[in-house]
Amino acid sequence: MAVMIHSKYGYEPPEWVQADARLDKWCKNRKRRAKQHGAFSLDKNKEVRNETTSVCKNQWY
């Protein structure tokens, strides 16, 4: 039987532990890069809308 290693996901074979470490590192780096470039910013593209101007802005009357 293969040696099982205790990781944060439970007991796994060494190959799975290495794969999990690579994936965790990749995800952490991806989130960090996205945060740097503002990919997940919810306030980035919001427009401030005023009720009176947004209703009549492009109407011809």
N, C-alpha and C. Protein backbone atom coordinates (compact mmCIF):
# COMPACT_ATOMS: atom_id res chain seq x y z
N MET A 1 0.84 -1.19 0.00
CA MET A 1 0.00 0.00 0.00
C MET A 1 0.89 1.25 0.00
N ALA A 2 0.45 2.28 -0.69
CA ALA A 2 1.21 3.53 -0.81
C ALA A 2 1.18 4.28 0.52
N VAL A 3 2.21 5.05 0.75
CA VAL A 3 2.30 5.87 1.96
C VAL A 3 1.30 7.02 1.81
N MET A 4 0.49 7.20 2.82
CA MET A 4 -0.50 8.28 2.80
C MET A 4 0.03 9.44 3.64
N ILE A 5 -0.12 10.64 3.11
CA ILE A 5 0.36 11.85 3.78
C ILE A 5 -0.86 12.67 4.21
N HIS A 6 -0.79 13.18 5.43
CA HIS A 6 -1.89 14.01 5.93
C HIS A 6 -1.71 15.44 5.41
N SER A 7 -2.65 15.90 4.61
CA SER A 7 -2.62 17.27 4.09
C SER A 7 -3.84 18.01 4.62
N LYS A 8 -4.03 19.22 4.16
CA LYS A 8 -5.20 19.97 4.63
C LYS A 8 -6.51 19.42 4.05
N TYR A 9 -6.40 18.54 3.06
CA TYR A 9 -7.58 17.92 2.47
C TYR A 9 -7.81 16.51 2.99
N GLY A 10 -7.01 16.04 3.92
CA GLY A 10 -7.14 14.69 4.46
C GLY A 10 -5.91 13.87 4.11
N TYR A 11 -6.03 12.56 4.20
CA TYR A 11 -4.92 11.67 3.86
C TYR A 11 -4.94 11.37 2.37
N GLU A 12 -3.79 11.63 1.73
CA GLU A 12 -3.68 11.46 0.28
C GLU A 12 -2.33 10.86 -0.09
N PRO A 13 -2.23 10.28 -1.28
CA PRO A 13 -0.93 9.83 -1.77
C PRO A 13 -0.02 11.04 -2.05
N PRO A 14 1.28 10.85 -2.06
CA PRO A 14 2.20 11.98 -2.29
C PRO A 14 1.96 12.72 -3.60
N GLU A 15 1.57 12.01 -4.65
CA GLU A 15 1.33 12.66 -5.94
C GLU A 15 0.17 13.65 -5.85
N TRP A 16 -0.85 13.26 -5.12
CA TRP A 16 -2.01 14.14 -4.98
C TRP A 16 -1.68 15.35 -4.14
N VAL A 17 -0.84 15.17 -3.13
CA VAL A 17 -0.43 16.29 -2.28
C VAL A 17 0.35 17.31 -3.12
N GLN A 18 1.24 16.82 -3.97
CA GLN A 18 1.99 17.73 -4.85
C GLN A 18 1.07 18.45 -5.82
N ALA A 19 0.13 17.72 -6.38
CA ALA A 19 -0.82 18.33 -7.33
C ALA A 19 -1.67 19.39 -6.62
N ASP A 20 -2.13 19.08 -5.40
CA ASP A 20 -2.92 20.04 -4.64
C ASP A 20 -2.10 21.29 -4.34
N ALA A 21 -0.83 21.12 -4.00
CA ALA A 21 0.03 22.27 -3.70
C ALA A 21 0.20 23.14 -4.93
N ARG A 22 0.39 22.51 -6.09
CA ARG A 22 0.53 23.29 -7.33
C ARG A 22 -0.75 24.04 -7.66
N LEU A 23 -1.89 23.37 -7.51
CA LEU A 23 -3.16 24.04 -7.79
C LEU A 23 -3.44 25.18 -6.82
N ASP A 24 -3.15 24.96 -5.54
CA ASP A 24 -3.34 26.03 -4.55
C ASP A 24 -2.47 27.24 -4.86
N LYS A 25 -1.23 26.98 -5.24
CA LYS A 25 -0.30 28.05 -5.58
C LYS A 25 -0.79 28.80 -6.83
N TRP A 26 -1.26 28.05 -7.83
CA TRP A 26 -1.77 28.65 -9.06
C TRP A 26 -2.99 29.52 -8.78
N CYS A 27 -3.93 29.00 -7.96
CA CYS A 27 -5.15 29.76 -7.64
C CYS A 27 -4.81 31.03 -6.85
N LYS A 28 -3.90 30.91 -5.90
CA LYS A 28 -3.51 32.07 -5.11
C LYS A 28 -2.87 33.14 -5.98
N ASN A 29 -2.00 32.72 -6.90
CA ASN A 29 -1.35 33.65 -7.80
C ASN A 29 -2.36 34.29 -8.75
N ARG A 30 -3.30 33.51 -9.23
CA ARG A 30 -4.32 34.02 -10.14
C ARG A 30 -5.20 35.07 -9.46
N LYS A 31 -5.60 34.79 -8.22
CA LYS A 31 -6.41 35.75 -7.47
C LYS A 31 -5.63 37.03 -7.19
N ARG A 32 -4.34 36.88 -6.87
CA ARG A 32 -3.51 38.04 -6.59
C ARG A 32 -3.37 38.91 -7.84
N ARG A 33 -3.13 38.28 -8.98
CA ARG A 33 -3.00 39.03 -10.23
C ARG A 33 -4.31 39.71 -10.62
N ALA A 34 -5.42 39.01 -10.43
CA ALA A 34 -6.73 39.60 -10.76
C ALA A 34 -7.01 40.79 -9.86
N LYS A 35 -6.62 40.68 -8.61
CA LYS A 35 -6.83 41.78 -7.68
C LYS A 35 -5.98 42.99 -8.08
N GLN A 36 -4.76 42.74 -8.53
CA GLN A 36 -3.89 43.83 -8.96
C GLN A 36 -4.46 44.58 -10.15
N HIS A 37 -5.08 43.86 -11.07
CA HIS A 37 -5.58 44.48 -12.30
C HIS A 37 -7.04 44.89 -12.19
N GLY A 38 -7.66 44.68 -11.05
CA GLY A 38 -9.03 45.12 -10.84
C GLY A 38 -10.06 44.27 -11.54
N ALA A 39 -9.77 43.01 -11.80
CA ALA A 39 -10.71 42.16 -12.53
C ALA A 39 -11.96 41.86 -11.70
N PHE A 40 -11.83 41.84 -10.39
CA PHE A 40 -12.97 41.50 -9.55
C PHE A 40 -13.53 42.70 -8.82
N SER A 41 -13.19 43.89 -9.26
CA SER A 41 -13.68 45.09 -8.61
C SER A 41 -15.14 45.31 -8.98
N LEU A 42 -16.01 45.33 -7.99
CA LEU A 42 -17.43 45.51 -8.26
C LEU A 42 -17.78 46.98 -8.47
N ASP A 43 -16.98 47.88 -7.94
CA ASP A 43 -17.27 49.31 -8.04
C ASP A 43 -16.60 49.97 -9.23
N LYS A 44 -15.80 49.23 -9.96
CA LYS A 44 -14.98 49.81 -11.02
C LYS A 44 -15.81 50.44 -12.14
N ASN A 45 -16.81 49.74 -12.63
CA ASN A 45 -17.55 50.21 -13.80
C ASN A 45 -18.94 50.74 -13.47
N LYS A 46 -19.19 51.03 -12.22
CA LYS A 46 -20.50 51.55 -11.86
C LYS A 46 -20.58 53.03 -12.23
N GLU A 47 -21.73 53.41 -12.73
CA GLU A 47 -21.97 54.80 -13.06
C GLU A 47 -22.87 55.41 -12.00
N VAL A 48 -22.61 56.63 -11.67
CA VAL A 48 -23.48 57.34 -10.74
C VAL A 48 -24.64 57.87 -11.54
N ARG A 49 -25.84 57.47 -11.17
CA ARG A 49 -27.02 57.87 -11.93
C ARG A 49 -27.91 58.76 -11.08
N ASN A 50 -28.38 59.79 -11.69
CA ASN A 50 -29.33 60.67 -11.05
C ASN A 50 -30.69 60.37 -11.67
N GLU A 51 -31.72 60.26 -10.86
CA GLU A 51 -33.03 59.85 -11.38
C GLU A 51 -33.58 60.82 -12.42
N THR A 52 -33.41 62.11 -12.22
CA THR A 52 -33.99 63.07 -13.16
C THR A 52 -33.25 63.06 -14.49
N THR A 53 -31.95 62.93 -14.49
CA THR A 53 -31.20 62.97 -15.75
C THR A 53 -31.25 61.63 -16.48
N SER A 54 -31.32 60.52 -15.75
CA SER A 54 -31.31 59.23 -16.43
C SER A 54 -32.62 58.96 -17.16
N VAL A 55 -33.73 59.53 -16.71
CA VAL A 55 -35.01 59.30 -17.35
C VAL A 55 -35.12 60.15 -18.62
N CYS A 56 -34.71 61.40 -18.58
CA CYS A 56 -34.92 62.32 -19.70
C CYS A 56 -33.68 62.54 -20.55
N LYS A 57 -32.65 61.81 -20.34
CA LYS A 57 -31.37 62.12 -20.97
C LYS A 57 -31.42 62.05 -22.50
N ASN A 58 -31.98 60.98 -23.06
CA ASN A 58 -31.93 60.81 -24.52
C ASN A 58 -33.32 60.84 -25.16
N GLN A 59 -34.25 61.50 -24.55
CA GLN A 59 -35.58 61.57 -25.12
C GLN A 59 -35.81 62.97 -25.74
N TRP A 60 -36.56 63.03 -26.83
CA TRP A 60 -36.77 64.26 -27.59
C TRP A 60 -38.11 64.91 -27.28
N TYR A 61 -38.36 65.30 -26.08
CA TYR A 61 -39.60 66.02 -25.80
C TYR A 61 -39.40 67.09 -24.78
